[in-house]
PDB file of N, CA and C in Angstrom:
ATOM      1  N   MET A   1     -31.124-153.748 176.297  1.00  0.00           N
ATOM      2  CA  MET A   1     -30.861-154.742 175.281  1.00  0.00           C
ATOM      3  C   MET A   1     -29.406-154.590 174.808  1.00  0.00           C
ATOM      4  N   PRO A   2     -28.592-155.677 174.827  1.00  0.00           N
ATOM      5  CA  PRO A   2     -27.195-155.570 174.409  1.00  0.00           C
ATOM      6  C   PRO A   2     -27.063-155.313 172.916  1.00  0.00           C
ATOM      7  N   ASP A   3     -25.997-154.606 172.571  1.00  0.00           N
ATOM      8  CA  ASP A   3     -25.715-154.313 171.167  1.00  0.00           C
ATOM      9  C   ASP A   3     -25.149-155.569 170.513  1.00  0.00           C
ATOM     10  N   GLU A   4     -25.826-156.108 169.522  1.00  0.00           N
ATOM     11  CA  GLU A   4     -25.398-157.327 168.835  1.00  0.00           C
ATOM     12  C   GLU A   4     -24.807-157.010 167.459  1.00  0.00           C
ATOM     13  N   THR A   5     -24.247-155.805 167.308  1.00  0.00           N
ATOM     14  CA  THR A   5     -23.654-155.412 166.044  1.00  0.00           C
ATOM     15  C   THR A   5     -22.414-156.251 165.773  1.00  0.00           C
ATOM     16  N   GLU A   6     -22.341-156.814 164.596  1.00  0.00           N
ATOM     17  CA  GLU A   6     -21.201-157.638 164.212  1.00  0.00           C
ATOM     18  C   GLU A   6     -20.146-156.747 163.580  1.00  0.00           C
ATOM     19  N   ILE A   7     -18.975-156.715 164.204  1.00  0.00           N
ATOM     20  CA  ILE A   7     -17.895-155.844 163.767  1.00  0.00           C
ATOM     21  C   ILE A   7     -16.732-156.691 163.262  1.00  0.00           C
ATOM     22  N   PRO A   8     -16.221-156.441 162.048  1.00  0.00           N
ATOM     23  CA  PRO A   8     -15.043-157.165 161.563  1.00  0.00           C
ATOM     24  C   PRO A   8     -13.838-156.867 162.457  1.00  0.00           C
ATOM     25  N   LEU A   9     -13.026-157.899 162.719  1.00  0.00           N
ATOM     26  CA  LEU A   9     -11.870-157.750 163.600  1.00  0.00           C
ATOM     27  C   LEU A   9     -10.606-158.285 162.951  1.00  0.00           C
ATOM     28  N   ALA A  10      -9.479-157.769 163.399  1.00  0.00           N
ATOM     29  CA  ALA A  10      -8.179-158.338 163.030  1.00  0.00           C
ATOM     30  C   ALA A  10      -8.031-159.677 163.755  1.00  0.00           C
ATOM     31  N   TRP A  11      -7.175-160.543 163.235  1.00  0.00           N
ATOM     32  CA  TRP A  11      -6.998-161.862 163.855  1.00  0.00           C
ATOM     33  C   TRP A  11      -6.538-161.750 165.296  1.00  0.00           C
ATOM     34  N   THR A  12      -5.747-160.737 165.625  1.00  0.00           N
ATOM     35  CA  THR A  12      -5.230-160.576 166.982  1.00  0.00           C
ATOM     36  C   THR A  12      -6.310-160.179 167.979  1.00  0.00           C
ATOM     37  N   ALA A  13      -7.463-159.738 167.491  1.00  0.00           N
ATOM     38  CA  ALA A  13      -8.562-159.318 168.361  1.00  0.00           C
ATOM     39  C   ALA A  13      -9.685-160.353 168.434  1.00  0.00           C
ATOM     40  N   MET A  14      -9.447-161.551 167.895  1.00  0.00           N
ATOM     41  CA  MET A  14     -10.477-162.593 167.888  1.00  0.00           C
ATOM     42  C   MET A  14     -10.983-162.859 169.306  1.00  0.00           C
ATOM     43  N   PRO A  15     -12.292-162.867 169.504  1.00  0.00           N
ATOM     44  CA  PRO A  15     -12.829-163.149 170.835  1.00  0.00           C
ATOM     45  C   PRO A  15     -12.549-164.589 171.270  1.00  0.00           C
ATOM     46  N   TYR A  16     -12.138-164.742 172.512  1.00  0.00           N
ATOM     47  CA  TYR A  16     -11.892-166.065 173.082  1.00  0.00           C
ATOM     48  C   TYR A  16     -13.200-166.845 173.136  1.00  0.00           C
ATOM     49  N   ARG A  17     -13.141-168.078 172.708  1.00  0.00           N
ATOM     50  CA  ARG A  17     -14.280-169.005 172.667  1.00  0.00           C
ATOM     51  C   ARG A  17     -15.438-168.496 171.794  1.00  0.00           C
ATOM     52  N   ALA A  18     -15.074-167.788 170.752  1.00  0.00           N
ATOM     53  CA  ALA A  18     -16.081-167.338 169.783  1.00  0.00           C
ATOM     54  C   ALA A  18     -16.612-168.551 169.028  1.00  0.00           C
ATOM     55  N   PRO A  19     -17.865-168.527 168.616  1.00  0.00           N
ATOM     56  CA  PRO A  19     -18.399-169.625 167.811  1.00  0.00           C
ATOM     57  C   PRO A  19     -17.688-169.706 166.462  1.00  0.00           C
ATOM     58  N   VAL A  20     -17.408-170.924 166.021  1.00  0.00           N
ATOM     59  CA  VAL A  20     -16.813-171.164 164.704  1.00  0.00           C
ATOM     60  C   VAL A  20     -17.910-171.742 163.821  1.00  0.00           C
ATOM     61  N   LEU A  21     -18.081-171.148 162.644  1.00  0.00           N
ATOM     62  CA  LEU A  21     -19.161-171.531 161.741  1.00  0.00           C
ATOM     63  C   LEU A  21     -18.607-172.163 160.477  1.00  0.00           C
ATOM     64  N   ASP A  22     -19.330-173.153 159.947  1.00  0.00           N
ATOM     65  CA  ASP A  22     -18.921-173.748 158.674  1.00  0.00           C
ATOM     66  C   ASP A  22     -19.392-172.853 157.523  1.00  0.00           C
ATOM     67  N   LYS A  23     -19.170-173.291 156.289  1.00  0.00           N
ATOM     68  CA  LYS A  23     -19.501-172.434 155.142  1.00  0.00           C
ATOM     69  C   LYS A  23     -20.996-172.187 154.971  1.00  0.00           C
ATOM     70  N   HIS A  24     -21.824-172.989 155.653  1.00  0.00           N
ATOM     71  CA  HIS A  24     -23.272-172.804 155.599  1.00  0.00           C
ATOM     72  C   HIS A  24     -23.801-171.982 156.776  1.00  0.00           C
ATOM     73  N   GLY A  25     -22.896-171.566 157.679  1.00  0.00           N
ATOM     74  CA  GLY A  25     -23.303-170.786 158.838  1.00  0.00           C
ATOM     75  C   GLY A  25     -23.673-171.610 160.049  1.00  0.00           C
ATOM     76  N   ALA A  26     -23.491-172.930 159.993  1.00  0.00           N
ATOM     77  CA  ALA A  26     -23.803-173.800 161.127  1.00  0.00           C
ATOM     78  C   ALA A  26     -22.665-173.756 162.143  1.00  0.00           C
ATOM     79  N   HIS A  27     -23.018-173.736 163.415  1.00  0.00           N
ATOM     80  CA  HIS A  27     -22.043-173.725 164.506  1.00  0.00           C
ATOM     81  C   HIS A  27     -21.376-175.092 164.583  1.00  0.00           C
ATOM     82  N   VAL A  28     -20.027-175.119 164.419  1.00  0.00           N
ATOM     83  CA  VAL A  28     -19.297-176.392 164.437  1.00  0.00           C
ATOM     84  C   VAL A  28     -18.350-176.522 165.620  1.00  0.00           C
ATOM     85  N   GLY A  29     -18.140-175.435 166.348  1.00  0.00           N
ATOM     86  CA  GLY A  29     -17.239-175.488 167.495  1.00  0.00           C
ATOM     87  C   GLY A  29     -16.967-174.106 168.052  1.00  0.00           C
ATOM     88  N   THR A  30     -15.955-174.047 168.943  1.00  0.00           N
ATOM     89  CA  THR A  30     -15.563-172.778 169.539  1.00  0.00           C
ATOM     90  C   THR A  30     -14.061-172.572 169.354  1.00  0.00           C
ATOM     91  N   ALA A  31     -13.670-171.320 169.217  1.00  0.00           N
ATOM     92  CA  ALA A  31     -12.261-170.954 169.059  1.00  0.00           C
ATOM     93  C   ALA A  31     -11.610-170.967 170.439  1.00  0.00           C
ATOM     94  N   GLU A  32     -10.648-171.856 170.618  1.00  0.00           N
ATOM     95  CA  GLU A  32      -9.978-172.003 171.909  1.00  0.00           C
ATOM     96  C   GLU A  32      -8.655-171.267 171.989  1.00  0.00           C
ATOM     97  N   SER A  33      -7.997-171.049 170.864  1.00  0.00           N
ATOM     98  CA  SER A  33      -6.698-170.391 170.868  1.00  0.00           C
ATOM     99  C   SER A  33      -6.357-169.909 169.466  1.00  0.00           C
ATOM    100  N   LEU A  34      -5.544-168.855 169.412  1.00  0.00           N
ATOM    101  CA  LEU A  34      -5.007-168.377 168.144  1.00  0.00           C
ATOM    102  C   LEU A  34      -3.665-169.037 167.902  1.00  0.00           C
ATOM    103  N   LEU A  35      -3.359-169.317 166.663  1.00  0.00           N
ATOM    104  CA  LEU A  35      -2.066-169.857 166.278  1.00  0.00           C
ATOM    105  C   LEU A  35      -1.418-168.841 165.355  1.00  0.00           C
ATOM    106  N   GLY A  36      -0.366-168.204 165.831  1.00  0.00           N
ATOM    107  CA  GLY A  36       0.270-167.197 165.017  1.00  0.00           C
ATOM    108  C   GLY A  36       1.435-166.545 165.711  1.00  0.00           C
ATOM    109  N   ASP A  37       2.029-165.630 165.020  1.00  0.00           N
ATOM    110  CA  ASP A  37       3.162-164.877 165.512  1.00  0.00           C
ATOM    111  C   ASP A  37       2.740-163.411 165.543  1.00  0.00           C
ATOM    112  N   GLU A  38       2.379-162.939 166.711  1.00  0.00           N
ATOM    113  CA  GLU A  38       1.871-161.581 166.849  1.00  0.00           C
ATOM    114  C   GLU A  38       2.928-160.546 166.467  1.00  0.00           C
ATOM    115  N   ALA A  39       4.185-160.773 166.848  1.00  0.00           N
ATOM    116  CA  ALA A  39       5.254-159.814 166.561  1.00  0.00           C
ATOM    117  C   ALA A  39       5.452-159.618 165.055  1.00  0.00           C
ATOM    118  N   ARG A  40       5.257-160.663 164.280  1.00  0.00           N
ATOM    119  CA  ARG A  40       5.439-160.593 162.820  1.00  0.00           C
ATOM    120  C   ARG A  40       4.109-160.462 162.077  1.00  0.00           C
ATOM    121  N   ASP A  41       3.015-160.425 162.827  1.00  0.00           N
ATOM    122  CA  ASP A  41       1.663-160.332 162.268  1.00  0.00           C
ATOM    123  C   ASP A  41       1.405-161.446 161.251  1.00  0.00           C
ATOM    124  N   ILE A  42       1.704-162.677 161.681  1.00  0.00           N
ATOM    125  CA  ILE A  42       1.464-163.851 160.840  1.00  0.00           C
ATOM    126  C   ILE A  42       0.386-164.693 161.506  1.00  0.00           C
ATOM    127  N   PHE A  43      -0.728-164.829 160.828  1.00  0.00           N
ATOM    128  CA  PHE A  43      -1.857-165.624 161.325  1.00  0.00           C
ATOM    129  C   PHE A  43      -1.788-167.009 160.704  1.00  0.00           C
ATOM    130  N   HIS A  44      -1.614-168.030 161.541  1.00  0.00           N
ATOM    131  CA  HIS A  44      -1.524-169.402 161.055  1.00  0.00           C
ATOM    132  C   HIS A  44      -2.848-170.149 161.171  1.00  0.00           C
ATOM    133  N   GLY A  45      -3.708-169.732 162.080  1.00  0.00           N
ATOM    134  CA  GLY A  45      -4.997-170.391 162.234  1.00  0.00           C
ATOM    135  C   GLY A  45      -5.497-170.335 163.662  1.00  0.00           C
ATOM    136  N   ILE A  46      -6.440-171.225 163.951  1.00  0.00           N
ATOM    137  CA  ILE A  46      -7.008-171.272 165.301  1.00  0.00           C
ATOM    138  C   ILE A  46      -7.144-172.726 165.751  1.00  0.00           C
ATOM    139  N   VAL A  47      -7.210-172.880 167.057  1.00  0.00           N
ATOM    140  CA  VAL A  47      -7.534-174.174 167.649  1.00  0.00           C
ATOM    141  C   VAL A  47      -9.038-174.157 167.880  1.00  0.00           C
ATOM    142  N   VAL A  48      -9.712-175.149 167.328  1.00  0.00           N
ATOM    143  CA  VAL A  48     -11.169-175.238 167.431  1.00  0.00           C
ATOM    144  C   VAL A  48     -11.547-176.446 168.274  1.00  0.00           C
ATOM    145  N   LYS A  49     -12.406-176.220 169.268  1.00  0.00           N
ATOM    146  CA  LYS A  49     -12.987-177.343 170.007  1.00  0.00           C
ATOM    147  C   LYS A  49     -14.276-177.697 169.270  1.00  0.00           C
ATOM    148  N   LEU A  50     -14.251-178.859 168.617  1.00  0.00           N
ATOM    149  CA  LEU A  50     -15.400-179.264 167.818  1.00  0.00           C
ATOM    150  C   LEU A  50     -16.630-179.495 168.684  1.00  0.00           C
ATOM    151  N   GLU A  51     -17.766-179.135 168.150  1.00  0.00           N
ATOM    152  CA  GLU A  51     -19.044-179.332 168.831  1.00  0.00           C
ATOM    153  C   GLU A  51     -19.305-180.824 169.045  1.00  0.00           C
ATOM    154  N   GLU A  52     -19.068-181.595 168.004  1.00  0.00           N
ATOM    155  CA  GLU A  52     -19.252-183.047 168.073  1.00  0.00           C
ATOM    156  C   GLU A  52     -17.973-183.681 168.608  1.00  0.00           C
ATOM    157  N   GLY A  53     -18.032-184.313 169.754  1.00  0.00           N
ATOM    158  CA  GLY A  53     -16.888-185.026 170.292  1.00  0.00           C
ATOM    159  C   GLY A  53     -15.929-184.193 171.113  1.00  0.00           C
ATOM    160  N   LYS A  54     -16.002-182.877 171.013  1.00  0.00           N
ATOM    161  CA  LYS A  54     -15.178-181.951 171.795  1.00  0.00           C
ATOM    162  C   LYS A  54     -13.679-182.061 171.553  1.00  0.00           C
ATOM    163  N   GLN A  55     -13.249-182.673 170.433  1.00  0.00           N
ATOM    164  CA  GLN A  55     -11.815-182.755 170.144  1.00  0.00           C
ATOM    165  C   GLN A  55     -11.293-181.373 169.744  1.00  0.00           C
ATOM    166  N   LEU A  56      -9.997-181.163 170.026  1.00  0.00           N
ATOM    167  CA  LEU A  56      -9.335-179.937 169.587  1.00  0.00           C
ATOM    168  C   LEU A  56      -8.684-180.197 168.235  1.00  0.00           C
ATOM    169  N   ARG A  57      -8.950-179.316 167.271  1.00  0.00           N
ATOM    170  CA  ARG A  57      -8.409-179.437 165.914  1.00  0.00           C
ATOM    171  C   ARG A  57      -7.770-178.124 165.505  1.00  0.00           C
ATOM    172  N   GLU A  58      -6.758-178.211 164.636  1.00  0.00           N
ATOM    173  CA  GLU A  58      -6.118-177.020 164.089  1.00  0.00           C
ATOM    174  C   GLU A  58      -6.831-176.636 162.799  1.00  0.00           C
ATOM    175  N   LEU A  59      -7.308-175.412 162.764  1.00  0.00           N
ATOM    176  CA  LEU A  59      -7.958-174.880 161.570  1.00  0.00           C
ATOM    177  C   LEU A  59      -6.992-173.890 160.920  1.00  0.00           C
ATOM    178  N   PRO A  60      -6.451-174.218 159.740  1.00  0.00           N
ATOM    179  CA  PRO A  60      -5.498-173.316 159.081  1.00  0.00           C
ATOM    180  C   PRO A  60      -6.117-171.954 158.793  1.00  0.00           C
ATOM    181  N   GLY A  61      -5.301-170.922 158.903  1.00  0.00           N
ATOM    182  CA  GLY A  61      -5.760-169.559 158.653  1.00  0.00           C
ATOM    183  C   GLY A  61      -6.350-169.377 157.264  1.00  0.00           C
ATOM    184  N   ALA A  62      -5.854-170.135 156.292  1.00  0.00           N
ATOM    185  CA  ALA A  62      -6.370-170.033 154.923  1.00  0.00           C
ATOM    186  C   ALA A  62      -7.835-170.453 154.831  1.00  0.00           C
ATOM    187  N   ARG A  63      -8.323-171.197 155.815  1.00  0.00           N
ATOM    188  CA  ARG A  63      -9.716-171.660 155.812  1.00  0.00           C
ATOM    189  C   ARG A  63     -10.651-170.702 156.550  1.00  0.00           C
ATOM    190  N   VAL A  64     -10.087-169.686 157.200  1.00  0.00           N
ATOM    191  CA  VAL A  64     -10.885-168.675 157.907  1.00  0.00           C
ATOM    192  C   VAL A  64     -11.196-167.562 156.916  1.00  0.00           C
ATOM    193  N   THR A  65     -12.476-167.321 156.699  1.00  0.00           N
ATOM    194  CA  THR A  65     -12.869-166.309 155.724  1.00  0.00           C
ATOM    195  C   THR A  65     -13.136-164.949 156.355  1.00  0.00           C
ATOM    196  N   ARG A  66     -13.503-164.950 157.646  1.00  0.00           N
ATOM    197  CA  ARG A  66     -13.825-163.684 158.312  1.00  0.00           C
ATOM    198  C   ARG A  66     -13.830-163.891 159.821  1.00  0.00           C
ATOM    199  N   ILE A  67     -13.317-162.895 160.532  1.00  0.00           N
ATOM    200  CA  ILE A  67     -13.364-162.883 161.997  1.00  0.00           C
ATOM    201  C   ILE A  67     -14.130-161.634 162.395  1.00  0.00           C
ATOM    202  N   THR A  68     -15.157-161.821 163.227  1.00  0.00           N
ATOM    203  CA  THR A  68     -15.952-160.678 163.685  1.00  0.00           C
ATOM    204  C   THR A  68     -16.083-160.729 165.205  1.00  0.00           C
ATOM    205  N   SER A  69     -16.734-159.737 165.733  1.00  0.00           N
ATOM    206  CA  SER A  69     -16.971-159.661 167.171  1.00  0.00           C
ATOM    207  C   SER A  69     -17.925-160.749 167.659  1.00  0.00           C
ATOM    208  N   LEU A  70     -18.635-161.415 166.738  1.00  0.00           N
ATOM    209  CA  LEU A  70     -19.617-162.414 167.131  1.00  0.00           C
ATOM    210  C   LEU A  70     -19.263-163.843 166.734  1.00  0.00           C
ATOM    211  N   ALA A  71     -18.418-164.028 165.704  1.00  0.00           N
ATOM    212  CA  ALA A  71     -18.153-165.392 165.219  1.00  0.00           C
ATOM    213  C   ALA A  71     -16.915-165.435 164.336  1.00  0.00           C
ATOM    214  N   ILE A  72     -16.451-166.676 164.102  1.00  0.00           N
ATOM    215  CA  ILE A  72     -15.369-166.964 163.166  1.00  0.00           C
ATOM    216  C   ILE A  72     -16.020-167.701 161.993  1.00  0.00           C
ATOM    217  N   TYR A  73     -15.902-167.150 160.796  1.00  0.00           N
ATOM    218  CA  TYR A  73     -16.493-167.740 159.601  1.00  0.00           C
ATOM    219  C   TYR A  73     -15.420-168.518 158.841  1.00  0.00           C
ATOM    220  N   THR A  74     -15.787-169.693 158.331  1.00  0.00           N
ATOM    221  CA  THR A  74     -14.840-170.524 157.593  1.00  0.00           C
ATOM    222  C   THR A  74     -15.445-170.958 156.265  1.00  0.00           C
ATOM    223  N   ASP A  75     -14.590-171.551 155.427  1.00  0.00           N
ATOM    224  CA  ASP A  75     -15.076-172.118 154.166  1.00  0.00           C
ATOM    225  C   ASP A  75     -15.180-173.642 154.264  1.00  0.00           C
ATOM    226  N   LEU A  76     -15.226-174.156 155.483  1.00  0.00           N
ATOM    227  CA  LEU A  76     -15.275-175.604 155.704  1.00  0.00           C
ATOM    228  C   LEU A  76     -16.628-176.201 155.375  1.00  0.00           C
ATOM    229  N   ASP A  77     -16.580-177.326 154.722  1.00  0.00           N
ATOM    230  CA  ASP A  77     -17.760-178.150 154.536  1.00  0.00           C
ATOM    231  C   ASP A  77     -17.869-179.008 155.811  1.00  0.00           C
ATOM    232  N   PRO A  78     -19.056-179.297 156.321  1.00  0.00           N
ATOM    233  CA  PRO A  78     -19.180-180.100 157.539  1.00  0.00           C
ATOM    234  C   PRO A  78     -18.422-181.433 157.487  1.00  0.00           C
ATOM    235  N   ALA A  79     -18.330-182.041 156.326  1.00  0.00           N
ATOM    236  CA  ALA A  79     -17.640-183.331 156.195  1.00  0.00           C
ATOM    237  C   ALA A  79     -16.132-183.208 156.411  1.00  0.00           C
ATOM    238  N   GLU A  80     -15.584-181.998 156.341  1.00  0.00           N
ATOM    239  CA  GLU A  80     -14.148-181.789 156.489  1.00  0.00           C
ATOM    240  C   GLU A  80     -13.684-181.676 157.940  1.00  0.00           C
ATOM    241  N   LEU A  81     -14.593-181.502 158.866  1.00  0.00           N
ATOM    242  CA  LEU A  81     -14.230-181.236 160.258  1.00  0.00           C
ATOM    243  C   LEU A  81     -13.348-182.317 160.871  1.00  0.00           C
ATOM    244  N   GLU A  82     -13.745-183.552 160.743  1.00  0.00           N
ATOM    245  CA  GLU A  82     -12.969-184.638 161.346  1.00  0.00           C
ATOM    246  C   GLU A  82     -11.613-184.812 160.679  1.00  0.00           C
ATOM    247  N   GLY A  83     -11.461-184.300 159.485  1.00  0.00           N
ATOM    248  CA  GLY A  83     -10.204-184.415 158.767  1.00  0.00           C
ATOM    249  C   GLY A  83      -9.177-183.341 159.141  1.00  0.00           C
ATOM    250  N   LEU A  84      -9.582-182.368 159.944  1.00  0.00           N
ATOM    251  CA  LEU A  84      -8.632-181.350 160.384  1.00  0.00           C
ATOM    252  C   LEU A  84      -7.588-181.988 161.294  1.00  0.00           C
ATOM    253  N   GLU A  85      -6.375-181.483 161.229  1.00  0.00           N
ATOM    254  CA  GLU A  85      -5.276-182.023 162.033  1.00  0.00           C
ATOM    255  C   GLU A  85      -5.570-181.849 163.528  1.00  0.00           C
ATOM    256  N   PRO A  86      -5.382-182.900 164.325  1.00  0.00           N
ATOM    257  CA  PRO A  86      -5.567-182.756 165.774  1.00  0.00           C
ATOM    258  C   PRO A  86      -4.580-181.738 166.347  1.00  0.00           C
ATOM    259  N   TYR A  87      -5.033-180.969 167.311  1.00  0.00           N
ATOM    260  CA  TYR A  87      -4.168-179.994 167.960  1.00  0.00           C
ATOM    261  C   TYR A  87      -3.257-180.707 168.945  1.00  0.00           C
ATOM    262  N   GLU A  88      -1.958-180.430 168.848  1.00  0.00           N
ATOM    263  CA  GLU A  88      -0.966-180.994 169.760  1.00  0.00           C
ATOM    264  C   GLU A  88      -0.221-179.846 170.417  1.00  0.00           C
ATOM    265  N   ASP A  89      -0.459-179.663 171.705  1.00  0.00           N
ATOM    266  CA  ASP A  89       0.110-178.544 172.441  1.00  0.00           C
ATOM    267  C   ASP A  89       1.629-178.492 172.360  1.00  0.00           C
ATOM    268  N   GLU A  90       2.290-179.656 172.355  1.00  0.00           N
ATOM    269  CA  GLU A  90       3.749-179.665 172.350  1.00  0.00           C
ATOM    270  C   GLU A  90       4.340-179.091 171.057  1.00  0.00           C
ATOM    271  N   ARG A  91       3.559-178.999 169.991  1.00  0.00           N
ATOM    272  CA  ARG A  91       4.049-178.405 168.745  1.00  0.00           C
ATOM    273  C   ARG A  91       3.989-176.888 168.778  1.00  0.00           C
ATOM    274  N   TRP A  92       3.287-176.334 169.732  1.00  0.00           N
ATOM    275  CA  TRP A  92       3.123-174.889 169.834  1.00  0.00           C
ATOM    276  C   TRP A  92       3.550-174.466 171.231  1.00  0.00           C
ATOM    277  N   PHE A  93       3.893-173.217 171.417  1.00  0.00           N
ATOM    278  CA  PHE A  93       4.199-172.752 172.756  1.00  0.00           C
ATOM    279  C   PHE A  93       3.602-171.374 172.984  1.00  0.00           C
ATOM    280  N   HIS A  94       3.521-171.018 174.245  1.00  0.00           N
ATOM    281  CA  HIS A  94       2.875-169.780 174.674  1.00  0.00           C
ATOM    282  C   HIS A  94       3.595-168.554 174.130  1.00  0.00           C
ATOM    283  N   LEU A  95       2.835-167.632 173.642  1.00  0.00           N
ATOM    284  CA  LEU A  95       3.353-166.349 173.190  1.00  0.00           C
ATOM    285  C   LEU A  95       2.272-165.314 173.445  1.00  0.00           C
ATOM    286  N   GLY A  96       2.604-164.233 174.090  1.00  0.00           N
ATOM    287  CA  GLY A  96       1.656-163.148 174.291  1.00  0.00           C
ATOM    288  C   GLY A  96       0.823-163.309 175.545  1.00  0.00           C
ATOM    289  N   TRP A  97      -0.306-162.646 175.570  1.00  0.00           N
ATOM    290  CA  TRP A  97      -1.106-162.565 176.775  1.00  0.00           C
ATOM    291  C   TRP A  97      -2.104-163.704 176.882  1.00  0.00           C
ATOM    292  N   GLY A  98      -2.351-164.123 178.102  1.00  0.00           N
ATOM    293  CA  GLY A  98      -3.411-165.077 178.419  1.00  0.00           C
ATOM    294  C   GLY A  98      -3.306-166.434 177.766  1.00  0.00           C
ATOM    295  N   GLY A  99      -2.163-166.805 177.239  1.00  0.00           N
ATOM    296  CA  GLY A  99      -2.033-168.099 176.588  1.00  0.00           C
ATOM    297  C   GLY A  99      -2.764-168.165 175.261  1.00  0.00           C
ATOM    298  N   LEU A 100      -3.221-167.037 174.764  1.00  0.00           N
ATOM    299  CA  LEU A 100      -4.031-167.031 173.553  1.00  0.00           C
ATOM    300  C   LEU A 100      -3.205-167.187 172.289  1.00  0.00           C
ATOM    301  N   PHE A 101      -1.983-166.637 172.279  1.00  0.00           N
ATOM    302  CA  PHE A 101      -1.145-166.713 171.088  1.00  0.00           C
ATOM    303  C   PHE A 101      -0.161-167.861 171.204  1.00  0.00           C
ATOM    304  N   ARG A 102       0.010-168.583 170.134  1.00  0.00           N
ATOM    305  CA  ARG A 102       0.964-169.689 170.090  1.00  0.00           C
ATOM    306  C   ARG A 102       1.653-169.634 168.733  1.00  0.00           C
ATOM    307  N   LYS A 103       2.890-170.143 168.683  1.00  0.00           N
ATOM    308  CA  LYS A 103       3.578-170.218 167.402  1.00  0.00           C
ATOM    309  C   LYS A 103       4.476-171.435 167.404  1.00  0.00           C
ATOM    310  N   ARG A 104       4.934-171.829 166.252  1.00  0.00           N
ATOM    311  CA  ARG A 104       5.789-173.001 166.142  1.00  0.00           C
ATOM    312  C   ARG A 104       7.172-172.688 166.708  1.00  0.00           C
ATOM    313  N   PRO A 105       7.741-173.598 167.525  1.00  0.00           N
ATOM    314  CA  PRO A 105       9.044-173.355 168.150  1.00  0.00           C
ATOM    315  C   PRO A 105      10.157-173.047 167.159  1.00  0.00           C
ATOM    316  N   GLN A 106      10.151-173.655 165.981  1.00  0.00           N
ATOM    317  CA  GLN A 106      11.238-173.424 165.030  1.00  0.00           C
ATOM    318  C   GLN A 106      11.236-172.011 164.469  1.00  0.00           C
ATOM    319  N   TRP A 107      10.211-171.189 164.760  1.00  0.00           N
ATOM    320  CA  TRP A 107      10.173-169.825 164.275  1.00  0.00           C
ATOM    321  C   TRP A 107      10.843-168.857 165.236  1.00  0.00           C
ATOM    322  N   GLU A 108      11.347-169.343 166.356  1.00  0.00           N
ATOM    323  CA  GLU A 108      12.036-168.482 167.308  1.00  0.00           C
ATOM    324  C   GLU A 108      13.273-167.893 166.637  1.00  0.00           C
ATOM    325  N   GLU A 109      13.426-166.602 166.714  1.00  0.00           N
ATOM    326  CA  GLU A 109      14.581-165.955 166.090  1.00  0.00           C
ATOM    327  C   GLU A 109      15.847-166.311 166.841  1.00  0.00           C
ATOM    328  N   GLU A 110      16.895-166.611 166.088  1.00  0.00           N
ATOM    329  CA  GLU A 110      18.185-166.909 166.676  1.00  0.00           C
ATOM    330  C   GLU A 110      19.136-165.741 166.502  1.00  0.00           C
ATOM    331  N   GLY A 111      18.747-164.725 165.797  1.00  0.00           N
ATOM    332  CA  GLY A 111      19.586-163.556 165.589  1.00  0.00           C
ATOM    333  C   GLY A 111      19.154-162.802 164.354  1.00  0.00           C
ATOM    334  N   PRO A 112      19.686-161.590 164.150  1.00  0.00           N
ATOM    335  CA  PRO A 112      19.250-160.767 163.016  1.00  0.00           C
ATOM    336  C   PRO A 112      19.617-161.355 161.658  1.00  0.00           C
ATOM    337  N   GLU A 113      20.631-162.241 161.611  1.00  0.00           N
ATOM    338  CA  GLU A 113      21.032-162.825 160.333  1.00  0.00           C
ATOM    339  C   GLU A 113      20.195-164.023 159.935  1.00  0.00           C
ATOM    340  N   ARG A 114      19.275-164.471 160.794  1.00  0.00           N
ATOM    341  CA  ARG A 114      18.454-165.659 160.522  1.00  0.00           C
ATOM    342  C   ARG A 114      17.564-165.405 159.324  1.00  0.00           C
ATOM    343  N   LYS A 115      17.509-166.355 158.408  1.00  0.00           N
ATOM    344  CA  LYS A 115      16.654-166.251 157.217  1.00  0.00           C
ATOM    345  C   LYS A 115      15.719-167.453 157.167  1.00  0.00           C
ATOM    346  N   LEU A 116      14.608-167.292 156.513  1.00  0.00           N
ATOM    347  CA  LEU A 116      13.651-168.367 156.335  1.00  0.00           C
ATOM    348  C   LEU A 116      14.340-169.553 155.671  1.00  0.00           C
ATOM    349  N   GLY A 117      14.173-170.728 156.260  1.00  0.00           N
ATOM    350  CA  GLY A 117      14.747-171.936 155.707  1.00  0.00           C
ATOM    351  C   GLY A 117      16.105-172.276 156.288  1.00  0.00           C
ATOM    352  N   ASP A 118      16.700-171.382 157.108  1.00  0.00           N
ATOM    353  CA  ASP A 118      17.992-171.685 157.732  1.00  0.00           C
ATOM    354  C   ASP A 118      17.853-172.746 158.798  1.00  0.00           C
TER     355      ASP A 118
END
């Protein structure tokens, strides 16, 4: 019998295609990608493939309440799902292993003197 122990995880260890749950614990989709900057340890959110319609949506990190070895927990109400911003690949680019990490292009460092807002 497999061990089904739920273990809390850091955002960088989120399981690929983990179930995403709404605030009531209902399965609303699967986690398709992480959105963040691994080098700076900044978690921006995840790309969720919605159960209904299979669209890809961006789920802000502020809406993720817990990441475990078995699921991604959110504070989303089911009515909010369609209102999430559609995921647009061209706004993000590959960072890290397996295409799992993505970050916004404007966050690329241009040098040590670069400051936020420059």
